[in-house]
Amino acid sequence: MGVRSTEEAAVAVVRRLVQRGHVAYLAGGCVRDRLLGRRPKDFDVATDATPRRVVECFSRTREVGVQFGVVLVKQGRFWVEVATFRADLSYSDGRHPDAVVFGSAEEDAKRRDFTVNGMFLDPLTDRVIDFVGGQADLQRRIIRAIGEPAQRFQEDHLRMLRAVRLAAEIGFEIDADTLEAIRRLAPLVRKVSAERIREELAKLLAADGRGAGLRRLWETGLLPHLWPGGQWTDERVARTVSLLDRLPPSAGFELGLAGLLITNPMAELRSVCRALACSNATVRKVTWLRANLERLQQPEPLELAELKRMMAGPGFADMILLWRAYRLVHGLPADVCDELSARAERVPPDRVRPRSLITGEDLIRSGYSPGPKFKRVLERVYYQQLNEELGDREAALSLARQLLAD
């Protein structure tokens, strides 16, 4: 039977390397998650085999980071990252080591970021190899830098944000010395690329502990440095934490980001999204959520056409969740959120975004010349169609003629 999962693929890589006379272990976050009883997302392998030797041992490989000792190995339909045990030399750019030297498993463990990420596991014997005290810190539920915290964070500034994200993700506290070093070096995170900051922030905002994560970002002094111009106060942070805590555990990045930026003006919200190098799709959804939340706060009830347009948008279910959290934070009843959801469920799917009863071609055939007014007229006709005030094409044409005459 073939390889059926990333875990089986990684174990198969370990087994082959061991059969060829090498030391090989599962490494990093997958070991931590297995010991915590969590399902790992990725399985990485660390070995004493050099990249050249790894390529010799497997028929399908991809050399993606040989300068850092990393080769991708394919098992079945899965790619497994295989890294040679190494010791990093100096870091000049706050991200990458200037050079690496291949070393022992212990040297490899001691150059990693946090003790809970520095353990190895032999999957063939189920033996944990721990040179850094990771098992003890798992029991204490502590995120602790390996070695001197300031050195770890000066090597790679993103590790400060990663410490906060990891603590939020698995519900741990941050070791006092590690926390003090983050507070002292927090401004260095400005040197980290927007893409890397966004990736860590996305994981934090998608975690069940997102509210606690934001509080730690504020307490460590990291929050004002994540994008230019961030203006935060104790009161604003407390209110935003309260809102994030009221989002469901399953909330994703866009919903979490909309909650994080709930008090920002719309123009500033777009600016933050651009500063974090968010995709166009993310910017559209976050701004859409914000705009529709503002509409829901108005006292006028939604017309049927407005409801349908919301339902056809990029995140109606998320909008309801955001609205509910917002109302709860402000001490308002949330039953109106349930009522809107129930109202939406009563709308047949084929009526949410129906084909327009008429088009510009219909108006031209009726003798009208195209012009700027066409678009406004067609939009008004379609709005009334969504509102179910027009039953057929003739009624739509009649309204269009009246609007064009007016």
Protein backbone atom coordinates (compact mmCIF):
# COMPACT_ATOMS: atom_id res chain seq x y z
CA MET A 1 0.00 0.00 0.00
CA GLY A 2 1.33 3.46 -0.90
CA VAL A 3 2.06 6.44 1.30
CA ARG A 4 -1.24 7.97 2.46
CA SER A 5 -0.25 11.01 4.50
CA THR A 6 2.56 13.50 5.08
CA GLU A 7 3.40 11.68 8.32
CA GLU A 8 3.77 8.35 6.53
CA ALA A 9 5.88 10.05 3.89
CA ALA A 10 8.22 11.54 6.51
CA VAL A 11 8.54 8.22 8.35
CA ALA A 12 9.34 6.50 5.05
CA VAL A 13 12.15 9.03 4.46
CA VAL A 14 13.53 8.41 7.95
CA ARG A 15 13.39 4.64 7.44
CA ARG A 16 15.26 4.80 4.12
CA LEU A 17 18.00 7.04 5.53
CA VAL A 18 18.45 4.77 8.55
CA GLN A 19 18.63 1.74 6.27
CA ARG A 20 21.41 3.52 4.35
CA GLY A 21 23.41 3.96 7.55
CA HIS A 22 22.40 7.46 8.60
CA VAL A 23 20.84 9.09 11.65
CA ALA A 24 17.45 10.61 10.86
CA TYR A 25 14.66 12.04 13.01
CA LEU A 26 11.43 13.94 12.77
CA ALA A 27 12.20 17.51 13.81
CA GLY A 28 10.68 20.75 15.04
CA GLY A 29 7.02 21.63 15.33
CA CYS A 30 5.69 18.19 14.42
CA VAL A 31 7.45 16.71 17.46
CA ARG A 32 6.02 19.41 19.71
CA ASP A 33 2.50 18.91 18.38
CA ARG A 34 2.65 15.13 18.69
CA LEU A 35 3.77 15.40 22.32
CA LEU A 36 0.91 17.83 22.97
CA GLY A 37 -1.61 15.48 21.39
CA ARG A 38 -2.22 17.91 18.51
CA ARG A 39 -2.30 16.93 14.85
CA PRO A 40 0.84 18.31 13.16
CA LYS A 41 0.39 20.21 9.91
CA ASP A 42 3.87 19.49 8.56
CA PHE A 43 6.46 16.80 9.14
CA ASP A 44 10.12 17.70 8.63
CA VAL A 45 13.14 15.40 8.78
CA ALA A 46 16.63 16.18 10.12
CA THR A 47 19.57 13.91 9.36
CA ASP A 48 23.34 13.58 9.40
CA ALA A 49 23.24 12.78 5.67
CA THR A 50 24.58 15.61 3.51
CA PRO A 51 22.35 17.08 0.78
CA ARG A 52 24.35 15.21 -1.85
CA ARG A 53 23.86 11.98 0.04
CA VAL A 54 20.11 12.61 0.44
CA VAL A 55 19.82 13.04 -3.32
CA GLU A 56 21.67 9.74 -3.82
CA CYS A 57 19.28 7.89 -1.48
CA PHE A 58 16.05 8.92 -3.22
CA SER A 59 14.87 8.86 -6.80
CA ARG A 60 12.71 11.99 -6.66
CA THR A 61 14.24 15.05 -5.04
CA ARG A 62 14.28 18.81 -5.42
CA GLU A 63 17.25 20.87 -4.22
CA VAL A 64 15.57 24.00 -2.87
CA GLY A 65 18.01 25.18 -0.20
CA VAL A 66 21.20 23.20 -0.55
CA GLN A 67 23.24 26.14 0.79
CA PHE A 68 21.34 25.64 4.06
CA GLY A 69 21.37 21.85 3.81
CA VAL A 70 17.74 21.46 2.67
CA VAL A 71 16.42 19.01 0.06
CA LEU A 72 12.80 18.14 -0.74
CA VAL A 73 12.13 14.41 -1.11
CA LYS A 74 8.98 13.05 -2.74
CA GLN A 75 7.25 10.01 -1.30
CA GLY A 76 4.03 9.08 -3.06
CA ARG A 77 2.33 12.40 -3.73
CA PHE A 78 3.91 14.16 -0.73
CA TRP A 79 7.03 16.28 -0.53
CA VAL A 80 9.08 16.05 2.68
CA GLU A 81 11.64 18.67 3.71
CA VAL A 82 14.90 16.99 4.70
CA ALA A 83 17.58 19.13 6.36
CA THR A 84 21.11 18.15 7.29
CA PHE A 85 22.10 18.71 10.94
CA ARG A 86 23.85 22.08 10.97
CA ALA A 87 25.27 24.86 13.08
CA ASP A 88 24.64 28.41 11.91
CA LEU A 89 27.43 30.98 11.85
CA SER A 90 26.82 34.73 12.12
CA TYR A 91 23.65 36.51 10.95
CA SER A 92 24.10 39.87 9.20
CA ASP A 93 20.62 40.54 7.80
CA GLY A 94 18.44 39.63 10.77
CA ARG A 95 17.03 36.66 8.92
CA HIS A 96 19.50 34.29 7.22
CA PRO A 97 22.77 32.86 8.55
CA ASP A 98 25.79 34.14 6.63
CA ALA A 99 26.93 30.56 6.33
CA VAL A 100 26.24 27.13 7.80
CA VAL A 101 28.42 24.20 8.72
CA PHE A 102 27.07 20.68 8.94
CA GLY A 103 27.22 19.35 12.47
CA SER A 104 25.63 17.03 15.01
CA ALA A 105 22.03 16.63 16.12
CA GLU A 106 22.84 18.50 19.33
CA GLU A 107 24.36 21.45 17.43
CA ASP A 108 21.32 21.51 15.17
CA ALA A 109 18.95 21.58 18.15
CA LYS A 110 20.82 24.41 19.85
CA ARG A 111 20.68 26.73 16.84
CA ARG A 112 16.83 26.55 16.70
CA ASP A 113 14.45 29.18 18.09
CA PHE A 114 12.51 27.79 21.09
CA THR A 115 12.97 24.77 23.31
CA VAL A 116 9.57 23.33 22.40
CA ASN A 117 10.65 23.44 18.75
CA GLY A 118 14.12 22.05 19.36
CA MET A 119 13.31 18.38 19.98
CA PHE A 120 13.71 15.37 17.68
CA LEU A 121 11.70 12.18 17.52
CA ASP A 122 12.83 8.81 16.23
CA PRO A 123 9.55 7.54 14.71
CA LEU A 124 10.95 4.02 14.34
CA THR A 125 11.40 3.63 18.12
CA ASP A 126 9.15 6.47 19.35
CA ARG A 127 12.13 7.91 21.27
CA VAL A 128 12.36 11.65 21.96
CA ILE A 129 15.81 13.23 21.62
CA ASP A 130 15.87 16.43 23.67
CA PHE A 131 19.07 18.46 24.07
CA VAL A 132 17.39 21.72 25.06
CA GLY A 133 14.83 20.96 27.78
CA GLY A 134 11.86 21.09 25.46
CA GLN A 135 9.92 18.33 27.24
CA ALA A 136 10.17 20.12 30.58
CA ASP A 137 8.95 23.36 29.02
CA LEU A 138 6.04 21.52 27.41
CA GLN A 139 5.03 20.34 30.87
CA ARG A 140 5.41 23.88 32.24
CA ARG A 141 3.55 25.26 29.19
CA ILE A 142 6.34 27.74 28.56
CA ILE A 143 7.79 29.28 25.37
CA ARG A 144 11.50 29.73 26.07
CA ALA A 145 14.25 30.78 23.67
CA ILE A 146 17.09 28.31 23.26
CA GLY A 147 20.28 29.79 24.70
CA GLU A 148 20.53 33.58 25.07
CA PRO A 149 17.16 35.10 24.02
CA ALA A 150 18.60 38.37 22.74
CA GLN A 151 21.01 36.49 20.49
CA ARG A 152 18.20 34.35 19.08
CA PHE A 153 16.13 37.45 18.27
CA GLN A 154 19.04 39.40 16.81
CA GLU A 155 19.73 36.46 14.50
CA ASP A 156 16.17 36.47 13.17
CA HIS A 157 13.96 39.35 14.27
CA LEU A 158 10.77 37.54 13.25
CA ARG A 159 11.33 35.09 16.11
CA MET A 160 9.92 37.70 18.50
CA LEU A 161 6.60 37.71 16.67
CA ARG A 162 6.76 33.93 16.33
CA ALA A 163 7.08 33.56 20.11
CA VAL A 164 3.86 35.52 20.63
CA ARG A 165 2.07 33.67 17.83
CA LEU A 166 3.14 30.26 19.12
CA ALA A 167 2.07 31.11 22.67
CA ALA A 168 -1.36 32.15 21.37
CA GLU A 169 -1.64 29.10 19.13
CA ILE A 170 -0.97 26.49 21.81
CA GLY A 171 -2.04 28.45 24.88
CA PHE A 172 1.39 28.78 26.56
CA GLU A 173 3.04 31.59 28.53
CA ILE A 174 6.33 33.19 27.50
CA ASP A 175 9.36 32.69 29.73
CA ALA A 176 10.32 35.84 31.68
CA ASP A 177 13.83 36.23 30.19
CA THR A 178 12.48 35.61 26.69
CA LEU A 179 9.71 38.14 27.28
CA GLU A 180 12.16 40.77 28.55
CA ALA A 181 14.35 40.35 25.48
CA ILE A 182 11.34 40.80 23.18
CA ARG A 183 10.36 44.01 24.96
CA ARG A 184 13.90 45.36 24.65
CA LEU A 185 14.35 44.44 20.98
CA ALA A 186 10.78 44.94 19.72
CA PRO A 187 11.63 47.83 17.32
CA LEU A 188 13.82 45.44 15.30
CA VAL A 189 10.67 43.81 13.93
CA ARG A 190 10.36 46.85 11.63
CA LYS A 191 13.23 45.40 9.61
CA VAL A 192 11.28 42.22 8.85
CA SER A 193 9.61 42.00 5.44
CA ALA A 194 5.88 42.68 5.26
CA GLU A 195 5.26 39.22 3.82
CA ARG A 196 6.86 37.45 6.79
CA ILE A 197 5.01 39.63 9.31
CA ARG A 198 1.72 38.94 7.52
CA GLU A 199 2.32 35.18 7.56
CA GLU A 200 2.85 35.16 11.34
CA LEU A 201 -0.05 37.56 11.93
CA ALA A 202 -2.29 35.35 9.78
CA LYS A 203 -1.49 32.33 11.94
CA LEU A 204 -2.06 34.32 15.13
CA LEU A 205 -5.42 35.73 13.98
CA ALA A 206 -6.56 32.27 12.88
CA ALA A 207 -5.71 30.80 16.30
CA ASP A 208 -8.29 30.29 19.05
CA GLY A 209 -6.07 32.39 21.35
CA ARG A 210 -6.05 35.39 18.98
CA GLY A 211 -7.27 37.77 21.68
CA ALA A 212 -4.53 36.75 24.11
CA GLY A 213 -2.08 37.01 21.21
CA LEU A 214 -3.04 40.63 20.54
CA ARG A 215 -2.70 41.42 24.24
CA ARG A 216 0.83 39.96 24.21
CA LEU A 217 1.73 41.93 21.08
CA TRP A 218 0.77 45.07 23.00
CA GLU A 219 2.48 44.09 26.26
CA THR A 220 5.73 43.20 24.47
CA GLY A 221 5.77 46.44 22.48
CA LEU A 222 5.64 44.62 19.13
CA LEU A 223 2.20 45.83 18.04
CA PRO A 224 3.11 49.45 17.09
CA HIS A 225 5.93 48.18 14.85
CA LEU A 226 4.02 45.67 12.70
CA TRP A 227 3.05 48.33 10.13
CA PRO A 228 3.73 52.07 9.79
CA GLY A 229 1.52 54.49 11.65
CA GLY A 230 -0.18 52.05 14.01
CA GLN A 231 -1.88 54.06 16.78
CA TRP A 232 -2.85 51.98 19.81
CA THR A 233 -3.96 52.74 23.35
CA ASP A 234 -4.72 50.50 26.32
CA GLU A 235 -8.44 51.13 25.83
CA ARG A 236 -8.39 50.35 22.11
CA VAL A 237 -6.38 47.17 22.66
CA ALA A 238 -8.72 46.00 25.43
CA ARG A 239 -11.81 46.55 23.26
CA THR A 240 -10.22 44.80 20.27
CA VAL A 241 -9.09 41.87 22.41
CA SER A 242 -12.66 41.55 23.67
CA LEU A 243 -13.98 41.44 20.12
CA LEU A 244 -11.39 38.89 18.94
CA ASP A 245 -12.22 36.70 21.93
CA ARG A 246 -15.84 36.62 20.78
CA LEU A 247 -15.02 35.26 17.32
CA PRO A 248 -15.38 31.47 16.98
CA PRO A 249 -12.28 29.22 17.09
CA SER A 250 -12.75 28.50 13.38
CA ALA A 251 -12.42 32.16 12.33
CA GLY A 252 -9.88 32.66 9.55
CA PHE A 253 -7.30 35.34 8.81
CA GLU A 254 -9.56 37.80 6.94
CA LEU A 255 -12.22 37.76 9.64
CA GLY A 256 -9.57 38.11 12.33
CA LEU A 257 -7.92 41.00 10.46
CA ALA A 258 -11.25 42.78 10.06
CA GLY A 259 -11.75 42.40 13.81
CA LEU A 260 -8.23 43.63 14.54
CA LEU A 261 -8.78 46.77 12.44
CA ILE A 262 -12.39 47.33 13.49
CA THR A 263 -11.73 50.87 14.77
CA ASN A 264 -9.58 52.02 11.85
CA PRO A 265 -11.11 54.40 9.29
CA MET A 266 -11.75 52.67 5.96
CA ALA A 267 -8.91 54.47 4.15
CA GLU A 268 -6.50 53.51 6.93
CA LEU A 269 -7.72 49.92 6.83
CA ARG A 270 -6.78 49.68 3.15
CA SER A 271 -3.40 51.24 3.92
CA VAL A 272 -2.69 48.64 6.62
CA CYS A 273 -3.64 45.80 4.28
CA ARG A 274 -1.24 47.16 1.66
CA ALA A 275 1.51 47.62 4.26
CA LEU A 276 1.11 43.93 5.18
CA ALA A 277 1.33 42.97 1.49
CA CYS A 278 -2.10 41.33 1.62
CA SER A 279 -3.52 39.83 -1.54
CA ASN A 280 -6.15 41.72 -3.50
CA ALA A 281 -8.69 39.09 -2.46
CA THR A 282 -7.88 39.67 1.23
CA VAL A 283 -8.13 43.45 0.84
CA ARG A 284 -11.50 43.10 -0.89
CA LYS A 285 -12.91 40.82 1.77
CA VAL A 286 -11.65 42.82 4.75
CA THR A 287 -12.94 46.12 3.36
CA TRP A 288 -16.22 44.46 2.34
CA LEU A 289 -16.70 43.13 5.87
CA ARG A 290 -16.04 46.54 7.32
CA ALA A 291 -18.34 48.39 4.90
CA ASN A 292 -21.24 46.00 5.49
CA LEU A 293 -20.73 46.10 9.25
CA GLU A 294 -21.19 49.87 9.08
CA ARG A 295 -24.41 49.38 7.11
CA LEU A 296 -25.73 46.91 9.69
CA GLN A 297 -25.16 49.44 12.46
CA GLN A 298 -27.58 51.89 10.83
CA PRO A 299 -31.14 51.93 12.20
CA GLU A 300 -32.85 51.47 8.83
CA PRO A 301 -33.76 47.81 8.20
CA LEU A 302 -32.18 46.05 5.24
CA GLU A 303 -34.25 45.88 2.11
CA LEU A 304 -34.41 42.48 0.45
CA ALA A 305 -32.12 43.68 -2.35
CA GLU A 306 -29.47 44.78 0.16
CA LEU A 307 -29.66 41.43 1.91
CA LYS A 308 -29.21 39.57 -1.35
CA ARG A 309 -26.19 41.68 -2.26
CA MET A 310 -24.64 40.89 1.10
CA MET A 311 -25.36 37.21 0.62
CA ALA A 312 -23.65 37.36 -2.79
CA GLY A 313 -20.56 39.03 -1.30
CA PRO A 314 -17.23 37.39 -0.39
CA GLY A 315 -18.08 36.54 3.23
CA PHE A 316 -21.68 36.74 4.41
CA ALA A 317 -21.23 34.13 7.16
CA ASP A 318 -18.11 35.92 8.41
CA MET A 319 -19.96 39.23 8.37
CA ILE A 320 -22.64 37.81 10.68
CA LEU A 321 -19.91 36.54 13.05
CA LEU A 322 -18.18 39.92 13.05
CA TRP A 323 -21.46 41.76 13.62
CA ARG A 324 -22.33 39.44 16.51
CA ALA A 325 -18.93 39.98 18.16
CA TYR A 326 -19.21 43.74 17.67
CA ARG A 327 -22.66 43.90 19.28
CA LEU A 328 -21.62 41.75 22.24
CA VAL A 329 -18.58 43.94 22.90
CA HIS A 330 -20.82 47.00 22.94
CA GLY A 331 -23.39 45.36 25.23
CA LEU A 332 -26.04 45.05 22.51
CA PRO A 333 -28.32 42.01 22.05
CA ALA A 334 -27.18 39.60 19.38
CA ASP A 335 -30.60 38.18 18.51
CA VAL A 336 -30.79 40.50 15.48
CA CYS A 337 -27.82 38.56 14.03
CA ASP A 338 -29.78 35.32 14.32
CA GLU A 339 -32.81 36.98 12.76
CA LEU A 340 -30.77 38.16 9.77
CA SER A 341 -29.27 34.70 9.31
CA ALA A 342 -32.72 33.14 9.43
CA ARG A 343 -34.01 35.69 6.93
CA ALA A 344 -31.14 34.86 4.58
CA GLU A 345 -31.86 31.15 4.82
CA ARG A 346 -35.38 31.80 3.53
CA VAL A 347 -34.04 33.32 0.29
CA PRO A 348 -33.87 30.65 -2.45
CA PRO A 349 -30.30 30.32 -3.81
CA ASP A 350 -31.39 31.05 -7.39
CA ARG A 351 -32.79 34.43 -6.30
CA VAL A 352 -29.62 35.69 -4.61
CA ARG A 353 -27.92 36.70 -7.85
CA PRO A 354 -30.41 36.23 -10.70
CA ARG A 355 -29.69 37.12 -14.32
CA SER A 356 -30.77 40.70 -15.12
CA LEU A 357 -34.19 40.96 -16.74
CA ILE A 358 -32.82 43.53 -19.21
CA THR A 359 -29.45 44.68 -20.55
CA GLY A 360 -28.07 47.67 -22.37
CA GLU A 361 -28.74 45.91 -25.65
CA ASP A 362 -32.44 45.83 -24.80
CA LEU A 363 -32.43 49.59 -24.29
CA ILE A 364 -30.61 50.19 -27.58
CA ARG A 365 -33.14 48.03 -29.41
CA SER A 366 -35.86 50.13 -27.78
CA GLY A 367 -34.42 53.21 -29.50
CA TYR A 368 -32.26 54.74 -26.77
CA SER A 369 -28.70 55.92 -27.39
CA PRO A 370 -26.00 54.64 -25.00
CA GLY A 371 -24.75 57.13 -22.46
CA PRO A 372 -23.67 57.62 -18.83
CA LYS A 373 -27.27 57.29 -17.68
CA PHE A 374 -27.52 53.72 -18.96
CA LYS A 375 -25.48 52.30 -16.11
CA ARG A 376 -27.46 54.12 -13.42
CA VAL A 377 -30.76 53.07 -14.94
CA LEU A 378 -29.75 49.43 -15.29
CA GLU A 379 -28.46 49.38 -11.72
CA ARG A 380 -31.76 50.81 -10.45
CA VAL A 381 -33.79 48.32 -12.45
CA TYR A 382 -31.67 45.42 -11.18
CA TYR A 383 -32.00 46.65 -7.59
CA GLN A 384 -35.78 46.57 -7.87
CA GLN A 385 -35.54 43.15 -9.50
CA LEU A 386 -33.56 41.93 -6.47
CA ASN A 387 -36.18 43.56 -4.28
CA GLU A 388 -38.74 41.42 -6.14
CA GLU A 389 -40.69 44.49 -7.22
CA LEU A 390 -40.41 43.49 -10.90
CA GLY A 391 -41.81 40.21 -12.10
CA ASP A 392 -40.84 40.05 -15.77
CA ARG A 393 -38.90 41.61 -18.62
CA GLU A 394 -41.73 43.89 -19.75
CA ALA A 395 -42.05 45.39 -16.27
CA ALA A 396 -38.29 45.96 -16.19
CA LEU A 397 -38.34 47.68 -19.62
CA SER A 398 -41.25 49.86 -18.56
CA LEU A 399 -39.34 51.03 -15.47
CA ALA A 400 -36.22 51.67 -17.53
CA ARG A 401 -38.17 53.80 -20.02
CA GLN A 402 -39.65 55.81 -17.17
CA LEU A 403 -36.23 56.38 -15.57
CA LEU A 404 -34.68 57.39 -18.90
CA ALA A 405 -37.53 59.82 -19.54
CA ASP A 406 -37.09 61.34 -16.09
